[in-house]
Full PDB file with SEQRES, HELIX, SHEET, SSBOND, CRYST1, ORIGX, SCALE, CONECT and MASTER records, all heavy atoms in Angstrom:
SEQRES   1 A   43  ARG TYR ALA ASP ALA VAL PRO TRP ALA LEU LEU ALA ASP          
SEQRES   2 A   43  ALA ALA ALA ARG GLY ALA SER VAL ALA VAL VAL LEU ASP          
SEQRES   3 A   43  ARG VAL PRO SER GLY PRO GLY ASP ALA ASP VAL LEU ARG          
SEQRES   4 A   43  GLU VAL ARG GLY                                              
HELIX    1 AA1 ALA A    5  ALA A   16  1                                  12    
HELIX    2 AA2 ALA A   35  ARG A   42  1                                   8    
CRYST1    1.000    1.000    1.000  90.00  90.00  90.00 P 1           1          
ORIGX1      1.000000  0.000000  0.000000        0.00000                         
ORIGX2      0.000000  1.000000  0.000000        0.00000                         
ORIGX3      0.000000  0.000000  1.000000        0.00000                         
SCALE1      1.000000  0.000000  0.000000        0.00000                         
SCALE2      0.000000  1.000000  0.000000        0.00000                         
SCALE3      0.000000  0.000000  1.000000        0.00000                         
ATOM      1  N   ARG A   1     104.670 107.204  94.910  1.00  0.00           N  
ATOM      2  CA  ARG A   1     103.944 106.638  96.048  1.00  0.00           C  
ATOM      3  C   ARG A   1     102.903 105.598  95.624  1.00  0.00           C  
ATOM      4  O   ARG A   1     102.168 105.104  96.474  1.00  0.00           O  
ATOM      5  CB  ARG A   1     103.201 107.771  96.801  1.00  0.00           C  
ATOM      6  CG  ARG A   1     104.085 108.888  97.342  1.00  0.00           C  
ATOM      7  CD  ARG A   1     104.905 108.419  98.532  1.00  0.00           C  
ATOM      8  NE  ARG A   1     104.091 107.891  99.607  1.00  0.00           N  
ATOM      9  CZ  ARG A   1     103.554 108.648 100.573  1.00  0.00           C  
ATOM     10  NH1 ARG A   1     103.726 109.970 100.562  1.00  0.00           N  
ATOM     11  NH2 ARG A   1     102.852 108.084 101.539  1.00  0.00           N  
ATOM     12  N   TYR A   2     102.852 105.246  94.349  1.00  0.00           N  
ATOM     13  CA  TYR A   2     101.728 104.431  93.888  1.00  0.00           C  
ATOM     14  C   TYR A   2     101.722 103.009  94.452  1.00  0.00           C  
ATOM     15  O   TYR A   2     100.695 102.318  94.408  1.00  0.00           O  
ATOM     16  CB  TYR A   2     101.687 104.386  92.358  1.00  0.00           C  
ATOM     17  CG  TYR A   2     102.813 103.624  91.703  1.00  0.00           C  
ATOM     18  CD1 TYR A   2     102.714 102.260  91.466  1.00  0.00           C  
ATOM     19  CD2 TYR A   2     103.979 104.275  91.302  1.00  0.00           C  
ATOM     20  CE1 TYR A   2     103.748 101.572  90.862  1.00  0.00           C  
ATOM     21  CE2 TYR A   2     104.996 103.606  90.698  1.00  0.00           C  
ATOM     22  CZ  TYR A   2     104.895 102.241  90.482  1.00  0.00           C  
ATOM     23  OH  TYR A   2     105.922 101.570  89.878  1.00  0.00           O  
ATOM     24  N   ALA A   3     102.847 102.545  94.976  1.00  0.00           N  
ATOM     25  CA  ALA A   3     102.918 101.176  95.509  1.00  0.00           C  
ATOM     26  C   ALA A   3     102.797 101.141  97.031  1.00  0.00           C  
ATOM     27  O   ALA A   3     102.992 100.082  97.629  1.00  0.00           O  
ATOM     28  CB  ALA A   3     104.223 100.508  95.059  1.00  0.00           C  
ATOM     29  N   ASP A   4     102.464 102.254  97.675  1.00  0.00           N  
ATOM     30  CA  ASP A   4     102.381 102.282  99.140  1.00  0.00           C  
ATOM     31  C   ASP A   4     101.359 101.259  99.643  1.00  0.00           C  
ATOM     32  O   ASP A   4     100.296 101.059  99.039  1.00  0.00           O  
ATOM     33  CB  ASP A   4     101.983 103.676  99.634  1.00  0.00           C  
ATOM     34  CG  ASP A   4     103.139 104.674  99.505  1.00  0.00           C  
ATOM     35  OD1 ASP A   4     104.234 104.239  99.102  1.00  0.00           O  
ATOM     36  OD2 ASP A   4     102.923 105.866  99.798  1.00  0.00           O  
ATOM     37  N   ALA A   5     101.667 100.654 100.771  1.00  0.00           N  
ATOM     38  CA  ALA A   5     100.855  99.548 101.285  1.00  0.00           C  
ATOM     39  C   ALA A   5      99.489  99.992 101.786  1.00  0.00           C  
ATOM     40  O   ALA A   5      98.483  99.310 101.561  1.00  0.00           O  
ATOM     41  CB  ALA A   5     101.612  98.828 102.402  1.00  0.00           C  
ATOM     42  N   VAL A   6      99.428 101.123 102.500  1.00  0.00           N  
ATOM     43  CA  VAL A   6      98.166 101.518 103.135  1.00  0.00           C  
ATOM     44  C   VAL A   6      97.049 101.728 102.120  1.00  0.00           C  
ATOM     45  O   VAL A   6      95.963 101.147 102.257  1.00  0.00           O  
ATOM     46  CB  VAL A   6      98.370 102.771 104.011  1.00  0.00           C  
ATOM     47  CG1 VAL A   6      97.033 103.286 104.524  1.00  0.00           C  
ATOM     48  CG2 VAL A   6      99.294 102.457 105.175  1.00  0.00           C  
ATOM     49  N   PRO A   7      97.248 102.558 101.090  1.00  0.00           N  
ATOM     50  CA  PRO A   7      96.150 102.730 100.125  1.00  0.00           C  
ATOM     51  C   PRO A   7      95.801 101.444  99.394  1.00  0.00           C  
ATOM     52  O   PRO A   7      94.628 101.221  99.058  1.00  0.00           O  
ATOM     53  CB  PRO A   7      96.676 103.808  99.169  1.00  0.00           C  
ATOM     54  CG  PRO A   7      98.151 103.821  99.359  1.00  0.00           C  
ATOM     55  CD  PRO A   7      98.392 103.434 100.773  1.00  0.00           C  
ATOM     56  N   TRP A   8      96.788 100.589  99.169  1.00  0.00           N  
ATOM     57  CA  TRP A   8      96.487  99.347  98.454  1.00  0.00           C  
ATOM     58  C   TRP A   8      95.656  98.396  99.315  1.00  0.00           C  
ATOM     59  O   TRP A   8      94.874  97.608  98.782  1.00  0.00           O  
ATOM     60  CB  TRP A   8      97.773  98.677  97.967  1.00  0.00           C  
ATOM     61  CG  TRP A   8      98.188  99.247  96.638  1.00  0.00           C  
ATOM     62  CD1 TRP A   8      99.115 100.212  96.417  1.00  0.00           C  
ATOM     63  CD2 TRP A   8      97.633  98.913  95.371  1.00  0.00           C  
ATOM     64  NE1 TRP A   8      99.184 100.513  95.083  1.00  0.00           N  
ATOM     65  CE2 TRP A   8      98.291  99.720  94.411  1.00  0.00           C  
ATOM     66  CE3 TRP A   8      96.667  98.031  94.939  1.00  0.00           C  
ATOM     67  CZ2 TRP A   8      97.988  99.656  93.047  1.00  0.00           C  
ATOM     68  CZ3 TRP A   8      96.367  97.959  93.585  1.00  0.00           C  
ATOM     69  CH2 TRP A   8      97.026  98.771  92.655  1.00  0.00           C  
ATOM     70  N   ALA A   9      95.801  98.471 100.625  1.00  0.00           N  
ATOM     71  CA  ALA A   9      94.933  97.667 101.490  1.00  0.00           C  
ATOM     72  C   ALA A   9      93.483  98.124 101.339  1.00  0.00           C  
ATOM     73  O   ALA A   9      92.555  97.313 101.275  1.00  0.00           O  
ATOM     74  CB  ALA A   9      95.385  97.785 102.949  1.00  0.00           C  
ATOM     75  N   LEU A  10      93.289  99.434 101.235  1.00  0.00           N  
ATOM     76  CA  LEU A  10      91.942  99.963 101.025  1.00  0.00           C  
ATOM     77  C   LEU A  10      91.427  99.628  99.626  1.00  0.00           C  
ATOM     78  O   LEU A  10      90.243  99.339  99.434  1.00  0.00           O  
ATOM     79  CB  LEU A  10      91.939 101.476 101.237  1.00  0.00           C  
ATOM     80  CG  LEU A  10      92.176 101.926 102.681  1.00  0.00           C  
ATOM     81  CD1 LEU A  10      92.361 103.435 102.748  1.00  0.00           C  
ATOM     82  CD2 LEU A  10      91.024 101.495 103.579  1.00  0.00           C  
ATOM     83  N   LEU A  11      92.316  99.680  98.648  1.00  0.00           N  
ATOM     84  CA  LEU A  11      91.918  99.310  97.292  1.00  0.00           C  
ATOM     85  C   LEU A  11      91.515  97.840  97.222  1.00  0.00           C  
ATOM     86  O   LEU A  11      90.566  97.481  96.512  1.00  0.00           O  
ATOM     87  CB  LEU A  11      93.059  99.581  96.317  1.00  0.00           C  
ATOM     88  CG  LEU A  11      93.271 101.045  95.911  1.00  0.00           C  
ATOM     89  CD1 LEU A  11      94.587 101.206  95.157  1.00  0.00           C  
ATOM     90  CD2 LEU A  11      92.101 101.533  95.056  1.00  0.00           C  
ATOM     91  N   ALA A  12      92.231  96.997  97.941  1.00  0.00           N  
ATOM     92  CA  ALA A  12      91.874  95.575  97.959  1.00  0.00           C  
ATOM     93  C   ALA A  12      90.489  95.379  98.563  1.00  0.00           C  
ATOM     94  O   ALA A  12      89.692  94.559  98.074  1.00  0.00           O  
ATOM     95  CB  ALA A  12      92.914  94.787  98.754  1.00  0.00           C  
ATOM     96  N   ASP A  13      90.181  96.143  99.601  1.00  0.00           N  
ATOM     97  CA  ASP A  13      88.848  96.066 100.203  1.00  0.00           C  
ATOM     98  C   ASP A  13      87.794  96.550  99.212  1.00  0.00           C  
ATOM     99  O   ASP A  13      86.717  95.957  99.098  1.00  0.00           O  
ATOM    100  CB  ASP A  13      88.812  96.907 101.480  1.00  0.00           C  
ATOM    101  CG  ASP A  13      87.441  96.905 102.128  1.00  0.00           C  
ATOM    102  OD1 ASP A  13      86.993  95.837 102.572  1.00  0.00           O  
ATOM    103  OD2 ASP A  13      86.813  97.979 102.190  1.00  0.00           O  
ATOM    104  N   ALA A  14      88.111  97.624  98.484  1.00  0.00           N  
ATOM    105  CA  ALA A  14      87.172  98.141  97.489  1.00  0.00           C  
ATOM    106  C   ALA A  14      86.922  97.103  96.397  1.00  0.00           C  
ATOM    107  O   ALA A  14      85.784  96.905  95.947  1.00  0.00           O  
ATOM    108  CB  ALA A  14      87.707  99.435  96.890  1.00  0.00           C  
ATOM    109  N   ALA A  15      87.988  96.434  95.960  1.00  0.00           N  
ATOM    110  CA  ALA A  15      87.842  95.404  94.930  1.00  0.00           C  
ATOM    111  C   ALA A  15      86.993  94.249  95.444  1.00  0.00           C  
ATOM    112  O   ALA A  15      86.142  93.710  94.727  1.00  0.00           O  
ATOM    113  CB  ALA A  15      89.222  94.904  94.496  1.00  0.00           C  
ATOM    114  N   ALA A  16      87.221  93.858  96.711  1.00  0.00           N  
ATOM    115  CA  ALA A  16      86.458  92.753  97.287  1.00  0.00           C  
ATOM    116  C   ALA A  16      84.979  93.100  97.379  1.00  0.00           C  
ATOM    117  O   ALA A  16      84.116  92.215  97.276  1.00  0.00           O  
ATOM    118  CB  ALA A  16      87.008  92.413  98.669  1.00  0.00           C  
ATOM    119  N   ARG A  17      84.660  94.369  97.572  1.00  0.00           N  
ATOM    120  CA  ARG A  17      83.265  94.801  97.680  1.00  0.00           C  
ATOM    121  C   ARG A  17      82.663  95.163  96.326  1.00  0.00           C  
ATOM    122  O   ARG A  17      81.499  95.563  96.255  1.00  0.00           O  
ATOM    123  CB  ARG A  17      83.163  96.007  98.615  1.00  0.00           C  
ATOM    124  CG  ARG A  17      83.436  95.700 100.062  1.00  0.00           C  
ATOM    125  CD  ARG A  17      83.137  96.881 100.947  1.00  0.00           C  
ATOM    126  NE  ARG A  17      84.098  97.965 100.811  1.00  0.00           N  
ATOM    127  CZ  ARG A  17      83.843  99.128 100.256  1.00  0.00           C  
ATOM    128  NH1 ARG A  17      82.652  99.374  99.748  1.00  0.00           N  
ATOM    129  NH2 ARG A  17      84.765 100.068 100.186  1.00  0.00           N  
ATOM    130  N   GLY A  18      83.453  95.066  95.262  1.00  0.00           N  
ATOM    131  CA  GLY A  18      82.936  95.411  93.947  1.00  0.00           C  
ATOM    132  C   GLY A  18      82.703  96.891  93.759  1.00  0.00           C  
ATOM    133  O   GLY A  18      81.873  97.302  92.932  1.00  0.00           O  
ATOM    134  N   ALA A  19      83.396  97.719  94.528  1.00  0.00           N  
ATOM    135  CA  ALA A  19      83.194  99.162  94.446  1.00  0.00           C  
ATOM    136  C   ALA A  19      83.732  99.706  93.125  1.00  0.00           C  
ATOM    137  O   ALA A  19      84.658  99.157  92.527  1.00  0.00           O  
ATOM    138  CB  ALA A  19      83.895  99.852  95.615  1.00  0.00           C  
ATOM    139  N   SER A  20      83.135 100.812  92.692  1.00  0.00           N  
ATOM    140  CA  SER A  20      83.612 101.487  91.470  1.00  0.00           C  
ATOM    141  C   SER A  20      84.812 102.351  91.829  1.00  0.00           C  
ATOM    142  O   SER A  20      84.764 103.152  92.763  1.00  0.00           O  
ATOM    143  CB  SER A  20      82.497 102.357  90.884  1.00  0.00           C  
ATOM    144  OG  SER A  20      81.380 101.561  90.534  1.00  0.00           O  
ATOM    145  N   VAL A  21      85.898 102.200  91.085  1.00  0.00           N  
ATOM    146  CA  VAL A  21      87.143 102.904  91.379  1.00  0.00           C  
ATOM    147  C   VAL A  21      87.709 103.489  90.083  1.00  0.00           C  
ATOM    148  O   VAL A  21      87.682 102.841  89.030  1.00  0.00           O  
ATOM    149  CB  VAL A  21      88.195 101.958  92.010  1.00  0.00           C  
ATOM    150  CG1 VAL A  21      89.514 102.696  92.246  1.00  0.00           C  
ATOM    151  CG2 VAL A  21      87.676 101.374  93.323  1.00  0.00           C  
ATOM    152  N   ALA A  22      88.195 104.720  90.160  1.00  0.00           N  
ATOM    153  CA  ALA A  22      88.999 105.322  89.095  1.00  0.00           C  
ATOM    154  C   ALA A  22      90.311 105.772  89.727  1.00  0.00           C  
ATOM    155  O   ALA A  22      90.339 106.182  90.894  1.00  0.00           O  
ATOM    156  CB  ALA A  22      88.270 106.509  88.468  1.00  0.00           C  
ATOM    157  N   VAL A  23      91.396 105.681  88.986  1.00  0.00           N  
ATOM    158  CA  VAL A  23      92.727 105.959  89.528  1.00  0.00           C  
ATOM    159  C   VAL A  23      93.326 107.162  88.810  1.00  0.00           C  
ATOM    160  O   VAL A  23      93.264 107.265  87.579  1.00  0.00           O  
ATOM    161  CB  VAL A  23      93.652 104.733  89.378  1.00  0.00           C  
ATOM    162  CG1 VAL A  23      95.037 105.022  89.973  1.00  0.00           C  
ATOM    163  CG2 VAL A  23      93.028 103.516  90.065  1.00  0.00           C  
ATOM    164  N   VAL A  24      93.903 108.054  89.627  1.00  0.00           N  
ATOM    165  CA  VAL A  24      94.560 109.244  89.084  1.00  0.00           C  
ATOM    166  C   VAL A  24      96.038 109.178  89.473  1.00  0.00           C  
ATOM    167  O   VAL A  24      96.381 109.196  90.654  1.00  0.00           O  
ATOM    168  CB  VAL A  24      93.924 110.533  89.626  1.00  0.00           C  
ATOM    169  CG1 VAL A  24      94.656 111.749  89.065  1.00  0.00           C  
ATOM    170  CG2 VAL A  24      92.442 110.589  89.278  1.00  0.00           C  
ATOM    171  N   LEU A  25      96.900 109.066  88.464  1.00  0.00           N  
ATOM    172  CA  LEU A  25      98.341 109.110  88.699  1.00  0.00           C  
ATOM    173  C   LEU A  25      98.754 110.569  88.611  1.00  0.00           C  
ATOM    174  O   LEU A  25      98.864 111.143  87.523  1.00  0.00           O  
ATOM    175  CB  LEU A  25      99.065 108.251  87.657  1.00  0.00           C  
ATOM    176  CG  LEU A  25     100.583 108.131  87.816  1.00  0.00           C  
ATOM    177  CD1 LEU A  25     100.949 107.479  89.151  1.00  0.00           C  
ATOM    178  CD2 LEU A  25     101.174 107.308  86.658  1.00  0.00           C  
ATOM    179  N   ASP A  26      99.005 111.194  89.727  1.00  0.00           N  
ATOM    180  CA  ASP A  26      99.186 112.630  89.831  1.00  0.00           C  
ATOM    181  C   ASP A  26     100.675 112.971  89.905  1.00  0.00           C  
ATOM    182  O   ASP A  26     101.521 112.137  90.224  1.00  0.00           O  
ATOM    183  CB  ASP A  26      98.453 113.122  91.089  1.00  0.00           C  
ATOM    184  CG  ASP A  26      98.255 114.618  91.101  1.00  0.00           C  
ATOM    185  OD1 ASP A  26      98.438 115.250  90.051  1.00  0.00           O  
ATOM    186  OD2 ASP A  26      97.904 115.156  92.171  1.00  0.00           O  
ATOM    187  N   ARG A  27     100.939 114.258  89.646  1.00  0.00           N  
ATOM    188  CA  ARG A  27     102.288 114.814  89.789  1.00  0.00           C  
ATOM    189  C   ARG A  27     103.335 113.996  89.027  1.00  0.00           C  
ATOM    190  O   ARG A  27     104.412 113.690  89.535  1.00  0.00           O  
ATOM    191  CB  ARG A  27     102.666 114.917  91.266  1.00  0.00           C  
ATOM    192  CG  ARG A  27     101.764 115.899  92.000  1.00  0.00           C  
ATOM    193  CD  ARG A  27     102.132 116.094  93.438  1.00  0.00           C  
ATOM    194  NE  ARG A  27     101.336 117.183  94.000  1.00  0.00           N  
ATOM    195  CZ  ARG A  27     101.328 117.532  95.287  1.00  0.00           C  
ATOM    196  NH1 ARG A  27     102.086 116.863  96.143  1.00  0.00           N  
ATOM    197  NH2 ARG A  27     100.585 118.524  95.697  1.00  0.00           N  
ATOM    198  N   VAL A  28     102.992 113.651  87.805  1.00  0.00           N  
ATOM    199  CA  VAL A  28     103.916 112.903  86.955  1.00  0.00           C  
ATOM    200  C   VAL A  28     104.891 113.889  86.321  1.00  0.00           C  
ATOM    201  O   VAL A  28     104.471 114.901  85.743  1.00  0.00           O  
ATOM    202  CB  VAL A  28     103.139 112.140  85.858  1.00  0.00           C  
ATOM    203  CG1 VAL A  28     104.115 111.461  84.896  1.00  0.00           C  
ATOM    204  CG2 VAL A  28     102.194 111.132  86.492  1.00  0.00           C  
ATOM    205  N   PRO A  29     106.190 113.657  86.428  1.00  0.00           N  
ATOM    206  CA  PRO A  29     107.165 114.571  85.832  1.00  0.00           C  
ATOM    207  C   PRO A  29     106.900 114.744  84.328  1.00  0.00           C  
ATOM    208  O   PRO A  29     106.568 113.782  83.625  1.00  0.00           O  
ATOM    209  CB  PRO A  29     108.502 113.873  86.080  1.00  0.00           C  
ATOM    210  CG  PRO A  29     108.248 112.995  87.268  1.00  0.00           C  
ATOM    211  CD  PRO A  29     106.846 112.537  87.122  1.00  0.00           C  
ATOM    212  N   SER A  30     107.046 115.986  83.861  1.00  0.00           N  
ATOM    213  CA  SER A  30     106.717 116.271  82.460  1.00  0.00           C  
ATOM    214  C   SER A  30     107.882 116.879  81.712  1.00  0.00           C  
ATOM    215  O   SER A  30     107.711 117.476  80.648  1.00  0.00           O  
ATOM    216  CB  SER A  30     105.521 117.236  82.390  1.00  0.00           C  
ATOM    217  OG  SER A  30     105.820 118.444  83.116  1.00  0.00           O  
ATOM    218  N   GLY A  31     109.091 116.735  82.282  1.00  0.00           N  
ATOM    219  CA  GLY A  31     110.249 117.310  81.620  1.00  0.00           C  
ATOM    220  C   GLY A  31     110.761 116.439  80.498  1.00  0.00           C  
ATOM    221  O   GLY A  31     110.253 115.341  80.255  1.00  0.00           O  
ATOM    222  N   PRO A  32     111.786 116.960  79.791  1.00  0.00           N  
ATOM    223  CA  PRO A  32     112.398 116.190  78.705  1.00  0.00           C  
ATOM    224  C   PRO A  32     112.922 114.849  79.226  1.00  0.00           C  
ATOM    225  O   PRO A  32     113.551 114.769  80.275  1.00  0.00           O  
ATOM    226  CB  PRO A  32     113.540 117.090  78.226  1.00  0.00           C  
ATOM    227  CG  PRO A  32     113.145 118.460  78.686  1.00  0.00           C  
ATOM    228  CD  PRO A  32     112.407 118.285  79.964  1.00  0.00           C  
ATOM    229  N   GLY A  33     112.672 113.819  78.504  1.00  0.00           N  
ATOM    230  CA  GLY A  33     113.174 112.513  78.885  1.00  0.00           C  
ATOM    231  C   GLY A  33     112.325 111.782  79.899  1.00  0.00           C  
ATOM    232  O   GLY A  33     112.674 110.666  80.302  1.00  0.00           O  
ATOM    233  N   ASP A  34     111.188 112.392  80.337  1.00  0.00           N  
ATOM    234  CA  ASP A  34     110.358 111.733  81.348  1.00  0.00           C  
ATOM    235  C   ASP A  34     109.306 110.814  80.734  1.00  0.00           C  
ATOM    236  O   ASP A  34     108.588 110.126  81.458  1.00  0.00           O  
ATOM    237  CB  ASP A  34     109.632 112.777  82.205  1.00  0.00           C  
ATOM    238  CG  ASP A  34     110.594 113.499  83.146  1.00  0.00           C  
ATOM    239  OD1 ASP A  34     111.570 112.853  83.573  1.00  0.00           O  
ATOM    240  OD2 ASP A  34     110.347 114.682  83.476  1.00  0.00           O  
ATOM    241  N   ALA A  35     109.205 110.790  79.428  1.00  0.00           N  
ATOM    242  CA  ALA A  35     108.177 109.970  78.793  1.00  0.00           C  
ATOM    243  C   ALA A  35     108.383 108.488  79.097  1.00  0.00           C  
ATOM    244  O   ALA A  35     107.417 107.741  79.329  1.00  0.00           O  
ATOM    245  CB  ALA A  35     108.173 110.203  77.290  1.00  0.00           C  
ATOM    246  N   ASP A  36     109.650 108.065  79.080  1.00  0.00           N  
ATOM    247  CA  ASP A  36     109.924 106.650  79.364  1.00  0.00           C  
ATOM    248  C   ASP A  36     109.526 106.300  80.802  1.00  0.00           C  
ATOM    249  O   ASP A  36     108.989 105.218  81.066  1.00  0.00           O  
ATOM    250  CB  ASP A  36     111.408 106.332  79.136  1.00  0.00           C  
ATOM    251  CG  ASP A  36     111.791 106.413  77.672  1.00  0.00           C  
ATOM    252  OD1 ASP A  36     110.876 106.324  76.830  1.00  0.00           O  
ATOM    253  OD2 ASP A  36     112.991 106.572  77.391  1.00  0.00           O  
ATOM    254  N   VAL A  37     109.823 107.239  81.699  1.00  0.00           N  
ATOM    255  CA  VAL A  37     109.451 107.003  83.109  1.00  0.00           C  
ATOM    256  C   VAL A  37     107.939 106.895  83.230  1.00  0.00           C  
ATOM    257  O   VAL A  37     107.418 106.031  83.951  1.00  0.00           O  
ATOM    258  CB  VAL A  37     109.995 108.139  84.000  1.00  0.00           C  
ATOM    259  CG1 VAL A  37     109.495 107.978  85.429  1.00  0.00           C  
ATOM    260  CG2 VAL A  37     111.511 108.185  83.956  1.00  0.00           C  
ATOM    261  N   LEU A  38     107.226 107.761  82.528  1.00  0.00           N  
ATOM    262  CA  LEU A  38     105.765 107.734  82.594  1.00  0.00           C  
ATOM    263  C   LEU A  38     105.233 106.396  82.093  1.00  0.00           C  
ATOM    264  O   LEU A  38     104.351 105.796  82.717  1.00  0.00           O  
ATOM    265  CB  LEU A  38     105.193 108.880  81.753  1.00  0.00           C  
ATOM    266  CG  LEU A  38     103.663 108.878  81.575  1.00  0.00           C  
ATOM    267  CD1 LEU A  38     102.963 108.925  82.921  1.00  0.00           C  
ATOM    268  CD2 LEU A  38     103.247 110.054  80.697  1.00  0.00           C  
ATOM    269  N   ARG A  39     105.755 105.926  80.951  1.00  0.00           N  
ATOM    270  CA  ARG A  39     105.288 104.649  80.412  1.00  0.00           C  
ATOM    271  C   ARG A  39     105.567 103.514  81.396  1.00  0.00           C  
ATOM    272  O   ARG A  39     104.715 102.631  81.609  1.00  0.00           O  
ATOM    273  CB  ARG A  39     105.962 104.366  79.058  1.00  0.00           C  
ATOM    274  CG  ARG A  39     105.345 105.114  77.884  1.00  0.00           C  
ATOM    275  CD  ARG A  39     105.845 104.564  76.567  1.00  0.00           C  
ATOM    276  NE  ARG A  39     107.287 104.751  76.416  1.00  0.00           N  
ATOM    277  CZ  ARG A  39     107.851 105.836  75.904  1.00  0.00           C  
ATOM    278  NH1 ARG A  39     107.085 106.838  75.474  1.00  0.00           N  
ATOM    279  NH2 ARG A  39     109.166 105.928  75.790  1.00  0.00           N  
ATOM    280  N   GLU A  40     106.738 103.553  81.999  1.00  0.00           N  
ATOM    281  CA  GLU A  40     107.097 102.478  82.940  1.00  0.00           C  
ATOM    282  C   GLU A  40     106.183 102.496  84.174  1.00  0.00           C  
ATOM    283  O   GLU A  40     105.688 101.447  84.615  1.00  0.00           O  
ATOM    284  CB  GLU A  40     108.556 102.642  83.372  1.00  0.00           C  
ATOM    285  CG  GLU A  40     109.018 101.555  84.322  1.00  0.00           C  
ATOM    286  CD  GLU A  40     110.479 101.713  84.723  1.00  0.00           C  
ATOM    287  OE1 GLU A  40     111.168 102.583  84.142  1.00  0.00           O  
ATOM    288  OE2 GLU A  40     110.918 100.977  85.630  1.00  0.00           O  
ATOM    289  N   VAL A  41     105.958 103.699  84.708  1.00  0.00           N  
ATOM    290  CA  VAL A  41     105.125 103.802  85.913  1.00  0.00           C  
ATOM    291  C   VAL A  41     103.686 103.404  85.591  1.00  0.00           C  
ATOM    292  O   VAL A  41     103.054 102.649  86.342  1.00  0.00           O  
ATOM    293  CB  VAL A  41     105.198 105.231  86.481  1.00  0.00           C  
ATOM    294  CG1 VAL A  41     104.146 105.417  87.574  1.00  0.00           C  
ATOM    295  CG2 VAL A  41     106.584 105.515  87.038  1.00  0.00           C  
ATOM    296  N   ARG A  42     103.138 103.930  84.481  1.00  0.00           N  
ATOM    297  CA  ARG A  42     101.755 103.594  84.125  1.00  0.00           C  
ATOM    298  C   ARG A  42     101.614 102.087  83.901  1.00  0.00           C  
ATOM    299  O   ARG A  42     100.617 101.481  84.313  1.00  0.00           O  
ATOM    300  CB  ARG A  42     101.323 104.342  82.858  1.00  0.00           C  
ATOM    301  CG  ARG A  42     100.877 105.775  83.100  1.00  0.00           C  
ATOM    302  CD  ARG A  42     100.361 106.384  81.785  1.00  0.00           C  
ATOM    303  NE  ARG A  42      99.230 105.646  81.256  1.00  0.00           N  
ATOM    304  CZ  ARG A  42      97.957 105.951  81.486  1.00  0.00           C  
ATOM    305  NH1 ARG A  42      97.647 106.996  82.235  1.00  0.00           N  
ATOM    306  NH2 ARG A  42      96.976 105.230  80.957  1.00  0.00           N  
ATOM    307  N   GLY A  43     102.595 101.496  83.241  1.00  0.00           N  
ATOM    308  CA  GLY A  43     102.532 100.056  82.989  1.00  0.00           C  
ATOM    309  C   GLY A  43     102.555  99.259  84.291  1.00  0.00           C  
ATOM    310  O   GLY A  43     101.803  98.289  84.458  1.00  0.00           O  
TER     311      GLY A  43                                                      
MASTER        0    0    0    2    0    0    0    6  310    1    0    4          
END                                                                             
């Protein structure tokens, strides 16, 4: 869901206001072979 439009509209407003933001990428799959997916998503 990290590319959803609604939260990114709010993030854009936060950036425009210079607000402090930290991002949590949650519920990332942790099974075998998911490391590549994690690197791709984080990137």
